Amino acid sequence: MRFFVTGVVLCCIFVCCNNRQSAEPQEHVRLSRLIIKKNELGNYKQLLEKHIEHSKNNEAGVKILYPVFEAGAPHRLTMLEVYVSRKDYLHHLKSAHYSRYKKETAHMIEAVEMLEAMPLIPFKD
């Protein structure tokens, strides 16, 4: 009987821990820092806006694509990217519209820095 009770307790702990882990957000967060050629800034902003709108409207795994340009240096961009999961981020990278965006903007970008990030407080919908 003691082994049975121990087994039941261990099963309950396993189920509770697994449920708790799956309930925790597994979002994937990145920061992208770009330097845009000053003479291409207007064109770049148009293409970026189009790309973001398409991503948000057509990819359920995209939570946030939030670009900000530096006030004193508007050709410097930092973008917060939040995806439901790493799998959704990888899906985004493989999408046709992302490939098109990369191809259309490649000549406009002087430098890129991509950073993995860990949020202090996970994003809540």
Protein backbone atom coordinates (compact mmCIF):
# COMPACT_ATOMS: atom_id res chain seq x y z
CA MET A 1 0.00 0.00 0.00
CA ARG A 2 2.85 2.40 0.83
CA PHE A 3 4.35 1.89 -2.67
CA PHE A 4 0.97 2.57 -4.24
CA VAL A 5 0.58 5.86 -2.34
CA THR A 6 4.15 6.87 -3.19
CA GLY A 7 3.47 6.10 -6.86
CA VAL A 8 0.28 8.16 -6.85
CA VAL A 9 2.05 11.11 -5.19
CA LEU A 10 4.91 10.95 -7.71
CA CYS A 11 2.42 10.85 -10.60
CA CYS A 12 0.60 13.89 -9.21
CA ILE A 13 3.86 15.81 -8.84
CA PHE A 14 4.87 14.88 -12.41
CA VAL A 15 1.51 15.97 -13.84
CA CYS A 16 1.49 19.24 -11.87
CA CYS A 17 5.06 20.12 -12.85
CA ASN A 18 4.43 19.35 -16.52
CA ASN A 19 1.24 21.42 -16.54
CA ARG A 20 3.01 24.33 -14.86
CA GLN A 21 5.88 24.26 -17.33
CA SER A 22 3.60 24.17 -20.35
CA ALA A 23 1.53 27.05 -18.95
CA GLU A 24 4.61 29.27 -18.65
CA PRO A 25 5.29 31.43 -21.70
CA GLN A 26 7.93 30.14 -24.07
CA GLU A 27 8.05 33.31 -26.12
CA HIS A 28 11.09 34.16 -28.21
CA VAL A 29 12.39 37.73 -27.92
CA ARG A 30 14.98 39.50 -30.04
CA LEU A 31 16.36 42.97 -30.54
CA SER A 32 17.44 43.96 -34.02
CA ARG A 33 19.67 46.99 -34.44
CA LEU A 34 20.14 48.36 -37.92
CA ILE A 35 21.85 51.34 -39.50
CA ILE A 36 20.03 52.44 -42.62
CA LYS A 37 21.66 54.43 -45.42
CA LYS A 38 20.45 57.99 -44.91
CA ASN A 39 19.47 58.44 -48.56
CA GLU A 40 17.32 55.25 -48.37
CA LEU A 41 15.53 56.00 -45.10
CA GLY A 42 12.15 56.93 -46.63
CA ASN A 43 12.07 53.87 -48.89
CA TYR A 44 13.23 51.61 -46.07
CA LYS A 45 10.51 52.83 -43.70
CA GLN A 46 7.82 52.13 -46.32
CA LEU A 47 9.06 48.58 -46.91
CA LEU A 48 9.45 47.92 -43.18
CA GLU A 49 5.93 49.12 -42.44
CA LYS A 50 4.55 46.90 -45.21
CA HIS A 51 6.53 43.91 -43.88
CA ILE A 52 5.36 44.43 -40.29
CA GLU A 53 1.70 44.78 -41.25
CA HIS A 54 1.86 41.64 -43.38
CA SER A 55 3.59 39.69 -40.59
CA LYS A 56 1.13 40.77 -37.90
CA ASN A 57 -1.89 40.08 -40.11
CA ASN A 58 -0.76 36.71 -41.50
CA GLU A 59 1.41 35.04 -38.86
CA ALA A 60 -0.28 34.01 -35.62
CA GLY A 61 3.14 33.48 -34.02
CA VAL A 62 4.17 37.13 -34.34
CA LYS A 63 3.26 38.99 -31.14
CA ILE A 64 5.20 42.24 -31.55
CA LEU A 65 7.36 43.85 -34.22
CA TYR A 66 8.03 47.30 -32.80
CA PRO A 67 10.59 49.50 -34.55
CA VAL A 68 11.91 52.71 -33.01
CA PHE A 69 14.27 55.18 -34.64
CA GLU A 70 16.74 57.20 -32.56
CA ALA A 71 15.63 60.80 -32.14
CA GLY A 72 19.06 62.31 -32.85
CA ALA A 73 20.00 59.74 -35.49
CA PRO A 74 16.86 58.63 -37.35
CA HIS A 75 18.84 56.29 -39.61
CA ARG A 76 19.53 54.10 -36.52
CA LEU A 77 16.77 51.60 -35.83
CA THR A 78 16.14 49.23 -32.95
CA MET A 79 13.29 46.75 -33.29
CA LEU A 80 11.77 44.70 -30.51
CA GLU A 81 10.59 41.36 -31.86
CA VAL A 82 8.40 39.04 -29.78
CA TYR A 83 7.21 35.68 -31.09
CA VAL A 84 5.00 33.08 -29.42
CA SER A 85 7.90 30.60 -29.58
CA ARG A 86 11.25 29.99 -31.22
CA LYS A 87 9.44 27.76 -33.72
CA ASP A 88 7.27 30.74 -34.73
CA TYR A 89 10.38 32.91 -35.10
CA LEU A 90 11.99 30.32 -37.39
CA HIS A 91 8.73 30.06 -39.37
CA HIS A 92 8.79 33.85 -39.80
CA LEU A 93 12.35 33.72 -41.15
CA LYS A 94 11.32 31.13 -43.75
CA SER A 95 8.24 33.01 -44.95
CA ALA A 96 8.08 34.30 -48.52
CA HIS A 97 7.30 37.87 -47.45
CA TYR A 98 10.34 37.96 -45.11
CA SER A 99 12.58 36.76 -47.93
CA ARG A 100 11.12 39.46 -50.19
CA TYR A 101 11.65 42.13 -47.50
CA LYS A 102 15.29 41.04 -47.02
CA LYS A 103 15.93 41.09 -50.77
CA GLU A 104 14.25 44.49 -51.29
CA THR A 105 16.07 46.17 -48.39
CA ALA A 106 19.53 44.54 -48.52
CA HIS A 107 21.10 47.47 -50.40
CA MET A 108 19.58 49.98 -47.93
CA ILE A 109 21.20 48.60 -44.79
CA GLU A 110 24.73 49.53 -43.69
CA ALA A 111 24.96 47.39 -40.54
CA VAL A 112 22.92 44.81 -38.62
CA GLU A 113 23.22 43.50 -35.08
CA MET A 114 20.83 40.79 -33.88
CA LEU A 115 20.52 40.09 -30.15
CA GLU A 116 18.71 37.31 -28.33
CA ALA A 117 16.87 38.79 -25.36
CA MET A 118 15.24 37.55 -22.19
CA PRO A 119 12.31 39.56 -20.86
CA LEU A 120 12.12 40.36 -17.16
CA ILE A 121 8.33 40.12 -17.32
CA PRO A 122 6.81 38.05 -20.14
CA PHE A 123 4.44 39.85 -22.51
CA LYS A 124 0.74 39.33 -21.76
CA ASP A 125 -1.84 39.55 -24.54
